[in-house]
C-alpha atoms as a PDB file:
ATOM      1  CA  UNK A   1       5.379 -16.254   8.107  1.00  0.00           C
ATOM      2  CA  UNK A   2       4.922 -19.971   7.616  1.00  0.00           C
ATOM      3  CA  UNK A   3       4.931 -21.466   4.138  1.00  0.00           C
ATOM      4  CA  UNK A   4       1.469 -22.542   3.098  1.00  0.00           C
ATOM      5  CA  UNK A   5      -0.637 -23.485   0.136  1.00  0.00           C
ATOM      6  CA  UNK A   6      -3.771 -21.499  -0.579  1.00  0.00           C
ATOM      7  CA  UNK A   7      -4.509 -21.142   3.154  1.00  0.00           C
ATOM      8  CA  UNK A   8      -4.869 -17.761   4.790  1.00  0.00           C
ATOM      9  CA  UNK A   9      -1.549 -16.252   5.857  1.00  0.00           C
ATOM     10  CA  UNK A  10      -2.570 -16.336   9.486  1.00  0.00           C
ATOM     11  CA  UNK A  11      -5.317 -17.498  11.764  1.00  0.00           C
ATOM     12  CA  UNK A  12      -7.242 -14.494  12.952  1.00  0.00           C
ATOM     13  CA  UNK A  13      -8.696 -13.407  16.273  1.00  0.00           C
ATOM     14  CA  UNK A  14     -12.352 -12.379  16.330  1.00  0.00           C
ATOM     15  CA  UNK A  15     -11.597  -9.017  17.975  1.00  0.00           C
ATOM     16  CA  UNK A  16     -11.498  -6.136  15.525  1.00  0.00           C
ATOM     17  CA  UNK A  17     -12.601  -2.613  14.753  1.00  0.00           C
ATOM     18  CA  UNK A  18     -14.823  -3.880  11.922  1.00  0.00           C
ATOM     19  CA  UNK A  19     -18.480  -4.620  12.587  1.00  0.00           C
ATOM     20  CA  UNK A  20     -18.905  -7.017   9.672  1.00  0.00           C
ATOM     21  CA  UNK A  21     -19.659 -10.724  10.369  1.00  0.00           C
ATOM     22  CA  UNK A  22     -16.242 -11.863   9.085  1.00  0.00           C
ATOM     23  CA  UNK A  23     -13.884  -9.631  11.026  1.00  0.00           C
ATOM     24  CA  UNK A  24     -10.727 -10.704   9.227  1.00  0.00           C
ATOM     25  CA  UNK A  25      -9.198  -8.171   6.885  1.00  0.00           C
ATOM     26  CA  UNK A  26      -9.834  -8.912   3.216  1.00  0.00           C
ATOM     27  CA  UNK A  27      -6.146  -8.073   2.767  1.00  0.00           C
ATOM     28  CA  UNK A  28      -5.387 -11.288   4.682  1.00  0.00           C
ATOM     29  CA  UNK A  29      -8.096 -13.548   3.309  1.00  0.00           C
ATOM     30  CA  UNK A  30      -7.713 -12.703  -0.369  1.00  0.00           C
ATOM     31  CA  UNK A  31      -5.841  -9.597  -1.557  1.00  0.00           C
ATOM     32  CA  UNK A  32      -2.413 -10.641  -0.189  1.00  0.00           C
ATOM     33  CA  UNK A  33      -3.095 -14.376   0.018  1.00  0.00           C
ATOM     34  CA  UNK A  34      -0.928 -16.541  -2.258  1.00  0.00           C
ATOM     35  CA  UNK A  35      -1.167 -20.156  -3.371  1.00  0.00           C
ATOM     36  CA  UNK A  36       2.062 -22.140  -3.110  1.00  0.00           C
ATOM     37  CA  UNK A  37       2.768 -24.056  -6.335  1.00  0.00           C
ATOM     38  CA  UNK A  38       6.313 -25.255  -5.625  1.00  0.00           C
ATOM     39  CA  UNK A  39       9.369 -24.219  -3.632  1.00  0.00           C
ATOM     40  CA  UNK A  40       9.711 -20.427  -4.045  1.00  0.00           C
ATOM     41  CA  UNK A  41       6.901 -20.312  -6.609  1.00  0.00           C
ATOM     42  CA  UNK A  42       3.514 -18.757  -5.771  1.00  0.00           C
ATOM     43  CA  UNK A  43       0.349 -17.688  -7.521  1.00  0.00           C
ATOM     44  CA  UNK A  44      -1.867 -14.721  -6.761  1.00  0.00           C
ATOM     45  CA  UNK A  45      -5.419 -14.878  -8.080  1.00  0.00           C
ATOM     46  CA  UNK A  46      -7.402 -12.347  -6.033  1.00  0.00           C
ATOM     47  CA  UNK A  47      -7.032  -8.911  -7.571  1.00  0.00           C
ATOM     48  CA  UNK A  48      -8.403  -5.569  -6.460  1.00  0.00           C
ATOM     49  CA  UNK A  49      -8.895  -3.672  -9.709  1.00  0.00           C
ATOM     50  CA  UNK A  50      -9.179   0.137  -9.542  1.00  0.00           C
ATOM     51  CA  UNK A  51     -10.923   2.333 -12.101  1.00  0.00           C
ATOM     52  CA  UNK A  52      -7.890   2.141 -14.407  1.00  0.00           C
ATOM     53  CA  UNK A  53      -8.858  -1.512 -15.066  1.00  0.00           C
ATOM     54  CA  UNK A  54      -5.194  -2.458 -14.623  1.00  0.00           C
ATOM     55  CA  UNK A  55      -3.722  -4.278 -11.649  1.00  0.00           C
ATOM     56  CA  UNK A  56      -3.065  -2.048  -8.644  1.00  0.00           C
ATOM     57  CA  UNK A  57       0.704  -1.642  -8.240  1.00  0.00           C
ATOM     58  CA  UNK A  58       0.528  -1.753  -4.445  1.00  0.00           C
ATOM     59  CA  UNK A  59      -1.057  -5.203  -4.563  1.00  0.00           C
ATOM     60  CA  UNK A  60       1.730  -6.575  -6.759  1.00  0.00           C
ATOM     61  CA  UNK A  61       4.386  -5.097  -4.430  1.00  0.00           C
ATOM     62  CA  UNK A  62       2.574  -6.485  -1.373  1.00  0.00           C
ATOM     63  CA  UNK A  63       2.158  -9.956  -2.862  1.00  0.00           C
ATOM     64  CA  UNK A  64       5.792 -10.033  -4.020  1.00  0.00           C
ATOM     65  CA  UNK A  65       6.893  -9.184  -0.475  1.00  0.00           C
ATOM     66  CA  UNK A  66       4.628 -11.935   0.886  1.00  0.00           C
ATOM     67  CA  UNK A  67       6.328 -14.428  -1.466  1.00  0.00           C
ATOM     68  CA  UNK A  68       9.794 -13.244  -0.401  1.00  0.00           C
ATOM     69  CA  UNK A  69       8.891 -13.413   3.305  1.00  0.00           C
ATOM     70  CA  UNK A  70       7.757 -17.034   2.917  1.00  0.00           C
ATOM     71  CA  UNK A  71      11.354 -17.988   2.037  1.00  0.00           C
ATOM     72  CA  UNK A  72      13.210 -16.572   5.062  1.00  0.00           C
ATOM     73  CA  UNK A  73      13.534 -17.669   8.682  1.00  0.00           C
ATOM     74  CA  UNK A  74      10.814 -16.747  11.169  1.00  0.00           C
ATOM     75  CA  UNK A  75      13.101 -14.326  13.045  1.00  0.00           C
ATOM     76  CA  UNK A  76      13.892 -12.239   9.943  1.00  0.00           C
ATOM     77  CA  UNK A  77      11.793  -9.209   9.018  1.00  0.00           C
ATOM     78  CA  UNK A  78      11.817  -7.090   5.860  1.00  0.00           C
ATOM     79  CA  UNK A  79      13.747  -3.874   6.462  1.00  0.00           C
ATOM     80  CA  UNK A  80      13.849  -2.562   2.871  1.00  0.00           C
ATOM     81  CA  UNK A  81      12.591  -3.231  -0.627  1.00  0.00           C
ATOM     82  CA  UNK A  82      13.332  -1.793  -4.055  1.00  0.00           C
ATOM     83  CA  UNK A  83      11.287  -2.563  -7.136  1.00  0.00           C
ATOM     84  CA  UNK A  84      10.583  -1.611 -10.734  1.00  0.00           C
ATOM     85  CA  UNK A  85       7.210  -1.808 -12.435  1.00  0.00           C
ATOM     86  CA  UNK A  86       8.105  -3.226 -15.850  1.00  0.00           C
ATOM     87  CA  UNK A  87       4.707  -3.731 -17.523  1.00  0.00           C
ATOM     88  CA  UNK A  88       1.058  -3.077 -16.802  1.00  0.00           C
ATOM     89  CA  UNK A  89      -0.670  -5.986 -15.082  1.00  0.00           C
ATOM     90  CA  UNK A  90      -3.589  -7.900 -16.608  1.00  0.00           C
ATOM     91  CA  UNK A  91      -6.409  -8.381 -14.051  1.00  0.00           C
ATOM     92  CA  UNK A  92      -7.933 -11.243 -16.078  1.00  0.00           C
ATOM     93  CA  UNK A  93      -5.129 -13.738 -15.354  1.00  0.00           C
ATOM     94  CA  UNK A  94      -3.221 -14.834 -12.211  1.00  0.00           C
ATOM     95  CA  UNK A  95       0.206 -13.483 -11.298  1.00  0.00           C
ATOM     96  CA  UNK A  96       3.108 -15.901 -10.696  1.00  0.00           C
ATOM     97  CA  UNK A  97       5.751 -14.944  -8.129  1.00  0.00           C
ATOM     98  CA  UNK A  98       9.169 -16.544  -8.550  1.00  0.00           C
ATOM     99  CA  UNK A  99      11.545 -16.089  -5.616  1.00  0.00           C
ATOM    100  CA  UNK A 100      15.327 -16.256  -5.916  1.00  0.00           C
ATOM    101  CA  UNK A 101      17.274 -16.767  -2.660  1.00  0.00           C
ATOM    102  CA  UNK A 102      20.066 -14.316  -3.435  1.00  0.00           C
ATOM    103  CA  UNK A 103      21.864 -14.475  -0.080  1.00  0.00           C
ATOM    104  CA  UNK A 104      21.493 -15.904   3.432  1.00  0.00           C
ATOM    105  CA  UNK A 105      23.864 -14.537   6.047  1.00  0.00           C
ATOM    106  CA  UNK A 106      23.934 -14.588   9.835  1.00  0.00           C
ATOM    107  CA  UNK A 107      21.532 -11.709  10.355  1.00  0.00           C
ATOM    108  CA  UNK A 108      20.689 -10.582   6.795  1.00  0.00           C
ATOM    109  CA  UNK A 109      18.959 -12.329   3.889  1.00  0.00           C
ATOM    110  CA  UNK A 110      18.296 -10.966   0.412  1.00  0.00           C
ATOM    111  CA  UNK A 111      15.541 -12.120  -1.924  1.00  0.00           C
ATOM    112  CA  UNK A 112      14.729 -11.263  -5.535  1.00  0.00           C
ATOM    113  CA  UNK A 113      11.176 -11.737  -6.796  1.00  0.00           C
ATOM    114  CA  UNK A 114       9.753 -11.603 -10.302  1.00  0.00           C
ATOM    115  CA  UNK A 115       6.013 -11.106 -10.768  1.00  0.00           C
ATOM    116  CA  UNK A 116       5.132 -12.785 -14.068  1.00  0.00           C
ATOM    117  CA  UNK A 117       2.148 -12.714 -16.437  1.00  0.00           C
ATOM    118  CA  UNK A 118       1.971 -14.103 -19.975  1.00  0.00           C
ATOM    119  CA  UNK A 119       5.584 -15.311 -19.593  1.00  0.00           C
ATOM    120  CA  UNK A 120       6.916 -11.780 -18.962  1.00  0.00           C
ATOM    121  CA  UNK A 121       7.900  -9.869 -15.827  1.00  0.00           C
ATOM    122  CA  UNK A 122       5.506  -7.132 -14.750  1.00  0.00           C
ATOM    123  CA  UNK A 123       7.443  -6.310 -11.551  1.00  0.00           C
ATOM    124  CA  UNK A 124      10.985  -6.974 -10.317  1.00  0.00           C
ATOM    125  CA  UNK A 125      11.514  -6.666  -6.562  1.00  0.00           C
ATOM    126  CA  UNK A 126      14.493  -7.040  -4.263  1.00  0.00           C
ATOM    127  CA  UNK A 127      13.960  -7.210  -0.527  1.00  0.00           C
ATOM    128  CA  UNK A 128      16.403  -7.365   2.367  1.00  0.00           C
ATOM    129  CA  UNK A 129      15.491  -9.074   5.638  1.00  0.00           C
ATOM    130  CA  UNK A 130      17.261  -8.888   8.971  1.00  0.00           C
ATOM    131  CA  UNK A 131      16.835  -9.933  12.579  1.00  0.00           C
ATOM    132  CA  UNK A 132      15.403  -7.403  15.029  1.00  0.00           C
ATOM    133  CA  UNK A 133      18.231  -5.987  17.137  1.00  0.00           C
ATOM    134  CA  UNK A 134      18.381  -3.162  19.711  1.00  0.00           C
ATOM    135  CA  UNK A 135      20.396  -0.112  18.653  1.00  0.00           C
ATOM    136  CA  UNK A 136      22.341   2.266  20.929  1.00  0.00           C
ATOM    137  CA  UNK A 137      21.782   5.059  18.359  1.00  0.00           C
ATOM    138  CA  UNK A 138      18.221   6.216  17.777  1.00  0.00           C
ATOM    139  CA  UNK A 139      16.709   9.395  16.381  1.00  0.00           C
ATOM    140  CA  UNK A 140      13.896  10.407  14.038  1.00  0.00           C
ATOM    141  CA  UNK A 141      11.972  13.426  12.789  1.00  0.00           C
ATOM    142  CA  UNK A 142       9.055  14.394  14.998  1.00  0.00           C
ATOM    143  CA  UNK A 143       5.689  13.363  13.653  1.00  0.00           C
ATOM    144  CA  UNK A 144       3.349  16.259  12.792  1.00  0.00           C
ATOM    145  CA  UNK A 145       0.752  17.340  15.325  1.00  0.00           C
ATOM    146  CA  UNK A 146      -2.615  16.560  13.758  1.00  0.00           C
ATOM    147  CA  UNK A 147      -6.201  15.832  14.848  1.00  0.00           C
ATOM    148  CA  UNK A 148      -6.973  12.350  16.109  1.00  0.00           C
ATOM    149  CA  UNK A 149      -8.574   9.946  13.603  1.00  0.00           C
ATOM    150  CA  UNK A 150     -11.546   9.717  15.977  1.00  0.00           C
ATOM    151  CA  UNK A 151     -12.668  13.236  15.015  1.00  0.00           C
ATOM    152  CA  UNK A 152     -12.114  12.947  11.248  1.00  0.00           C
ATOM    153  CA  UNK A 153     -14.278  11.592   8.433  1.00  0.00           C
ATOM    154  CA  UNK A 154     -13.329   8.743   6.131  1.00  0.00           C
ATOM    155  CA  UNK A 155     -12.995   9.321   2.378  1.00  0.00           C
ATOM    156  CA  UNK A 156     -16.347   7.575   1.905  1.00  0.00           C
ATOM    157  CA  UNK A 157     -18.044   9.847   4.449  1.00  0.00           C
ATOM    158  CA  UNK A 158     -16.597  12.928   2.760  1.00  0.00           C
ATOM    159  CA  UNK A 159     -17.907  11.699  -0.596  1.00  0.00           C
ATOM    160  CA  UNK A 160     -21.364  11.171   0.875  1.00  0.00           C
ATOM    161  CA  UNK A 161     -21.280  14.805   1.984  1.00  0.00           C
ATOM    162  CA  UNK A 162     -20.442  15.902  -1.562  1.00  0.00           C
ATOM    163  CA  UNK A 163     -23.242  13.712  -2.941  1.00  0.00           C
ATOM    164  CA  UNK A 164     -25.746  15.512  -0.708  1.00  0.00           C
ATOM    165  CA  UNK A 165     -25.097  18.818  -2.523  1.00  0.00           C
ATOM    166  CA  UNK A 166     -28.160  19.610  -4.682  1.00  0.00           C
ATOM    167  CA  UNK A 167     -26.145  21.501  -7.320  1.00  0.00           C
ATOM    168  CA  UNK A 168     -23.674  18.667  -7.934  1.00  0.00           C
ATOM    169  CA  UNK A 169     -23.052  18.046 -11.645  1.00  0.00           C
ATOM    170  CA  UNK A 170     -24.279  14.690 -12.964  1.00  0.00           C
ATOM    171  CA  UNK A 171     -20.861  13.584 -14.245  1.00  0.00           C
ATOM    172  CA  UNK A 172     -19.286  14.412 -10.863  1.00  0.00           C
ATOM    173  CA  UNK A 173     -22.028  12.492  -9.049  1.00  0.00           C
ATOM    174  CA  UNK A 174     -21.452   9.539 -11.375  1.00  0.00           C
ATOM    175  CA  UNK A 175     -17.697   9.554 -10.725  1.00  0.00           C
ATOM    176  CA  UNK A 176     -18.128   9.720  -6.952  1.00  0.00           C
ATOM    177  CA  UNK A 177     -20.607   6.824  -6.968  1.00  0.00           C
ATOM    178  CA  UNK A 178     -18.148   4.766  -9.036  1.00  0.00           C
ATOM    179  CA  UNK A 179     -15.456   5.479  -6.447  1.00  0.00           C
ATOM    180  CA  UNK A 180     -17.758   4.328  -3.613  1.00  0.00           C
ATOM    181  CA  UNK A 181     -18.452   1.097  -5.517  1.00  0.00           C
ATOM    182  CA  UNK A 182     -14.741   0.182  -5.620  1.00  0.00           C
ATOM    183  CA  UNK A 183     -14.691  -1.091  -1.996  1.00  0.00           C
ATOM    184  CA  UNK A 184     -11.078  -0.159  -1.283  1.00  0.00           C
ATOM    185  CA  UNK A 185      -9.643  -2.598   1.338  1.00  0.00           C
ATOM    186  CA  UNK A 186      -7.987   0.204   3.328  1.00  0.00           C
ATOM    187  CA  UNK A 187      -9.625   2.902   5.423  1.00  0.00           C
ATOM    188  CA  UNK A 188      -8.431   6.486   4.929  1.00  0.00           C
ATOM    189  CA  UNK A 189      -9.182   9.663   6.879  1.00  0.00           C
ATOM    190  CA  UNK A 190      -7.696  12.741   5.185  1.00  0.00           C
ATOM    191  CA  UNK A 191      -6.470  15.639   7.309  1.00  0.00           C
ATOM    192  CA  UNK A 192      -7.523  18.977   5.788  1.00  0.00           C
ATOM    193  CA  UNK A 193      -8.900  17.387   2.592  1.00  0.00           C
ATOM    194  CA  UNK A 194      -8.855  19.722  -0.428  1.00  0.00           C
ATOM    195  CA  UNK A 195     -12.151  21.249  -1.534  1.00  0.00           C
ATOM    196  CA  UNK A 196     -12.556  19.721  -4.980  1.00  0.00           C
ATOM    197  CA  UNK A 197     -15.159  22.293  -5.944  1.00  0.00           C
ATOM    198  CA  UNK A 198     -12.993  25.368  -5.367  1.00  0.00           C
ATOM    199  CA  UNK A 199     -10.220  24.216  -7.738  1.00  0.00           C
ATOM    200  CA  UNK A 200      -7.541  26.134  -5.813  1.00  0.00           C
ATOM    201  CA  UNK A 201      -3.849  25.198  -6.367  1.00  0.00           C
ATOM    202  CA  UNK A 202      -2.349  23.719  -3.207  1.00  0.00           C
ATOM    203  CA  UNK A 203       1.088  22.723  -2.021  1.00  0.00           C
ATOM    204  CA  UNK A 204       1.844  19.101  -3.047  1.00  0.00           C
ATOM    205  CA  UNK A 205       1.669  17.747   0.482  1.00  0.00           C
ATOM    206  CA  UNK A 206      -1.004  15.641   2.159  1.00  0.00           C
ATOM    207  CA  UNK A 207      -1.630  13.908   5.477  1.00  0.00           C
ATOM    208  CA  UNK A 208      -3.868  10.883   6.002  1.00  0.00           C
ATOM    209  CA  UNK A 209      -4.736   8.512   8.773  1.00  0.00           C
ATOM    210  CA  UNK A 210      -4.774   5.043   7.216  1.00  0.00           C
ATOM    211  CA  UNK A 211      -5.306   1.432   8.315  1.00  0.00           C
ATOM    212  CA  UNK A 212      -6.357  -1.900   6.841  1.00  0.00           C
ATOM    213  CA  UNK A 213     -10.061  -2.652   6.938  1.00  0.00           C
ATOM    214  CA  UNK A 214     -10.831  -5.547   9.261  1.00  0.00           C
ATOM    215  CA  UNK A 215      -8.621  -7.442  11.717  1.00  0.00           C
ATOM    216  CA  UNK A 216      -5.079  -8.744  11.148  1.00  0.00           C
ATOM    217  CA  UNK A 217      -3.806  -8.975  14.713  1.00  0.00           C
ATOM    218  CA  UNK A 218      -0.358  -9.435  16.289  1.00  0.00           C
ATOM    219  CA  UNK A 219       0.064 -13.101  15.338  1.00  0.00           C
ATOM    220  CA  UNK A 220       2.154 -12.458  12.215  1.00  0.00           C
ATOM    221  CA  UNK A 221       4.042  -9.169  12.379  1.00  0.00           C
ATOM    222  CA  UNK A 222       5.706  -9.835   8.999  1.00  0.00           C
ATOM    223  CA  UNK A 223       2.330  -9.556   7.333  1.00  0.00           C
ATOM    224  CA  UNK A 224       1.847  -5.972   8.540  1.00  0.00           C
ATOM    225  CA  UNK A 225       4.845  -4.884   6.454  1.00  0.00           C
ATOM    226  CA  UNK A 226       3.293  -6.521   3.398  1.00  0.00           C
ATOM    227  CA  UNK A 227       0.072  -4.582   4.059  1.00  0.00           C
ATOM    228  CA  UNK A 228       2.119  -1.367   4.351  1.00  0.00           C
ATOM    229  CA  UNK A 229       3.696  -2.171   0.968  1.00  0.00           C
ATOM    230  CA  UNK A 230       0.175  -2.466  -0.438  1.00  0.00           C
ATOM    231  CA  UNK A 231      -0.848   0.899   1.064  1.00  0.00           C
ATOM    232  CA  UNK A 232       2.319   2.644  -0.125  1.00  0.00           C
ATOM    233  CA  UNK A 233       1.226   2.932  -3.773  1.00  0.00           C
ATOM    234  CA  UNK A 234      -2.115   4.514  -2.912  1.00  0.00           C
ATOM    235  CA  UNK A 235      -3.020   8.225  -3.221  1.00  0.00           C
ATOM    236  CA  UNK A 236       0.440   9.480  -4.210  1.00  0.00           C
ATOM    237  CA  UNK A 237      -0.428  10.794  -7.682  1.00  0.00           C
ATOM    238  CA  UNK A 238      -3.370  12.752  -6.280  1.00  0.00           C
ATOM    239  CA  UNK A 239      -0.958  14.561  -3.956  1.00  0.00           C
ATOM    240  CA  UNK A 240       1.419  15.393  -6.812  1.00  0.00           C
ATOM    241  CA  UNK A 241      -1.488  16.958  -8.732  1.00  0.00           C
ATOM    242  CA  UNK A 242      -2.651  19.257  -5.913  1.00  0.00           C
ATOM    243  CA  UNK A 243      -0.899  22.315  -7.509  1.00  0.00           C
ATOM    244  CA  UNK A 244      -2.867  21.604 -10.726  1.00  0.00           C
ATOM    245  CA  UNK A 245      -6.532  21.272  -9.664  1.00  0.00           C
ATOM    246  CA  UNK A 246      -7.914  21.571 -13.213  1.00  0.00           C
ATOM    247  CA  UNK A 247      -5.544  19.015 -14.732  1.00  0.00           C
ATOM    248  CA  UNK A 248      -6.910  15.559 -15.533  1.00  0.00           C
ATOM    249  CA  UNK A 249      -4.345  12.844 -16.179  1.00  0.00           C
ATOM    250  CA  UNK A 250      -5.244  10.521 -19.065  1.00  0.00           C
ATOM    251  CA  UNK A 251      -2.764   7.844 -18.075  1.00  0.00           C
ATOM    252  CA  UNK A 252      -0.499   7.218 -15.107  1.00  0.00           C
ATOM    253  CA  UNK A 253       1.661   4.315 -14.014  1.00  0.00           C
ATOM    254  CA  UNK A 254       4.124   3.605 -11.237  1.00  0.00           C
ATOM    255  CA  UNK A 255       7.719   3.318 -12.405  1.00  0.00           C
ATOM    256  CA  UNK A 256       9.789   2.421  -9.365  1.00  0.00           C
ATOM    257  CA  UNK A 257       9.412   2.144  -5.655  1.00  0.00           C
ATOM    258  CA  UNK A 258      11.556   1.888  -2.539  1.00  0.00           C
ATOM    259  CA  UNK A 259      10.615   1.376   1.122  1.00  0.00           C
ATOM    260  CA  UNK A 260      12.455   1.150   4.436  1.00  0.00           C
ATOM    261  CA  UNK A 261      10.817  -0.362   7.510  1.00  0.00           C
ATOM    262  CA  UNK A 262      12.120   1.136  10.760  1.00  0.00           C
ATOM    263  CA  UNK A 263      10.182  -0.678  13.479  1.00  0.00           C
ATOM    264  CA  UNK A 264       7.343  -3.108  14.112  1.00  0.00           C
ATOM    265  CA  UNK A 265       3.795  -1.825  13.755  1.00  0.00           C
ATOM    266  CA  UNK A 266       0.206  -2.931  13.216  1.00  0.00           C
ATOM    267  CA  UNK A 267      -1.230  -2.048   9.808  1.00  0.00           C
ATOM    268  CA  UNK A 268      -4.760  -2.650  11.132  1.00  0.00           C
ATOM    269  CA  UNK A 269      -4.267   0.242  13.581  1.00  0.00           C
ATOM    270  CA  UNK A 270      -4.223   3.902  12.560  1.00  0.00           C
ATOM    271  CA  UNK A 271      -0.979   5.099  10.963  1.00  0.00           C
ATOM    272  CA  UNK A 272      -0.286   8.726  10.072  1.00  0.00           C
ATOM    273  CA  UNK A 273       0.666   8.796   6.378  1.00  0.00           C
ATOM    274  CA  UNK A 274       2.539  11.901   5.190  1.00  0.00           C
ATOM    275  CA  UNK A 275       2.996  12.370   1.426  1.00  0.00           C
ATOM    276  CA  UNK A 276       4.816  15.074  -0.519  1.00  0.00           C
ATOM    277  CA  UNK A 277       5.953  15.622  -4.101  1.00  0.00           C
ATOM    278  CA  UNK A 278       8.993  17.952  -4.334  1.00  0.00           C
ATOM    279  CA  UNK A 279       9.327  17.749  -8.141  1.00  0.00           C
ATOM    280  CA  UNK A 280       7.287  17.258 -11.319  1.00  0.00           C
ATOM    281  CA  UNK A 281       8.390  17.666 -14.922  1.00  0.00           C
ATOM    282  CA  UNK A 282       9.257  15.886 -18.193  1.00  0.00           C
ATOM    283  CA  UNK A 283       6.107  13.800 -17.909  1.00  0.00           C
ATOM    284  CA  UNK A 284       7.004  12.408 -14.486  1.00  0.00           C
ATOM    285  CA  UNK A 285       6.477  13.204 -10.824  1.00  0.00           C
ATOM    286  CA  UNK A 286       8.561  12.161  -7.829  1.00  0.00           C
ATOM    287  CA  UNK A 287       7.879  12.148  -4.148  1.00  0.00           C
ATOM    288  CA  UNK A 288       8.337  10.602  -0.765  1.00  0.00           C
ATOM    289  CA  UNK A 289       6.191   9.626   2.159  1.00  0.00           C
ATOM    290  CA  UNK A 290       6.503   8.312   5.669  1.00  0.00           C
ATOM    291  CA  UNK A 291       4.119   6.724   8.110  1.00  0.00           C
ATOM    292  CA  UNK A 292       4.058   6.929  11.868  1.00  0.00           C
ATOM    293  CA  UNK A 293       2.302   5.016  14.600  1.00  0.00           C
ATOM    294  CA  UNK A 294       2.415   5.816  18.311  1.00  0.00           C
ATOM    295  CA  UNK A 295       4.820   8.701  17.695  1.00  0.00           C
ATOM    296  CA  UNK A 296       7.321   6.463  15.843  1.00  0.00           C
ATOM    297  CA  UNK A 297       8.241   6.555  12.170  1.00  0.00           C
ATOM    298  CA  UNK A 298       7.479   3.022  11.000  1.00  0.00           C
ATOM    299  CA  UNK A 299       8.322   3.226   7.312  1.00  0.00           C
ATOM    300  CA  UNK A 300       9.672   5.602   4.686  1.00  0.00           C
ATOM    301  CA  UNK A 301       9.162   5.316   0.964  1.00  0.00           C
ATOM    302  CA  UNK A 302      10.334   6.915  -2.259  1.00  0.00           C
ATOM    303  CA  UNK A 303       7.953   6.267  -5.142  1.00  0.00           C
ATOM    304  CA  UNK A 304       8.130   7.766  -8.620  1.00  0.00           C
ATOM    305  CA  UNK A 305       5.245   7.843 -11.066  1.00  0.00           C
ATOM    306  CA  UNK A 306       5.141   8.688 -14.742  1.00  0.00           C
ATOM    307  CA  UNK A 307       2.292  10.127 -16.778  1.00  0.00           C
ATOM    308  CA  UNK A 308       2.085   9.530 -20.503  1.00  0.00           C
END
């Protein structure tokens, strides 16, 4: 990942699964694109703001990883990250990313990143990078057997089906239309999506096919891990609330986050995203997820979210 100013993180190829005129993923052109201000100092100005009207935690994690990746050698790839969300982000002002080069070894490098607004940290991230090396020891859990993404509907298509119901309550219709207007930069196809109208308690587990909207390509494989970091903070709380279909959270915020990257992958190709929440209590929920592509586990994460 070459150091750059406000330029796009990579030059893109016109081939893609998107049919829009500009085939590049918005995650590349704006959402994860940083402006270089000085050595190890970057600014992020393009924010995707969800309905909470606060900054999306996944974007801050993804941008912080982009800043860290700018500071390491081309042959080093992120293999893990750990971070704490310290304060809620303000979508009305830019985010500064300050990188500290904690260690550079032969095959490992460690970086610390602070995401800063109004002179205060909103996120603290540590990331470890290493060179890709073959291993004589390899094993992994088998990925679940699920329907192909080709035969499933996207979240937006499922919502359109709900909107076609003549007996849909006005407030529900309003909420669904607001969700459609958000233009989420990732594409999601749920497997066995819950029936929101039946309000039946379900096990806190969910499976999704997920990929970035638009084209990223193989030119910068580091960037795909940053996109995965962005995706990793999406849809977890909804899974944790599946046993409580009538509960409506008034406030929720990510507390901490950890990810491990096991192999190279393309975030603009379908990944199977498996989420579960084994515990909830004391105003907090915990969980884990993993993603697979081509039968391989490509990353594992352990997020924790708190409701107040």
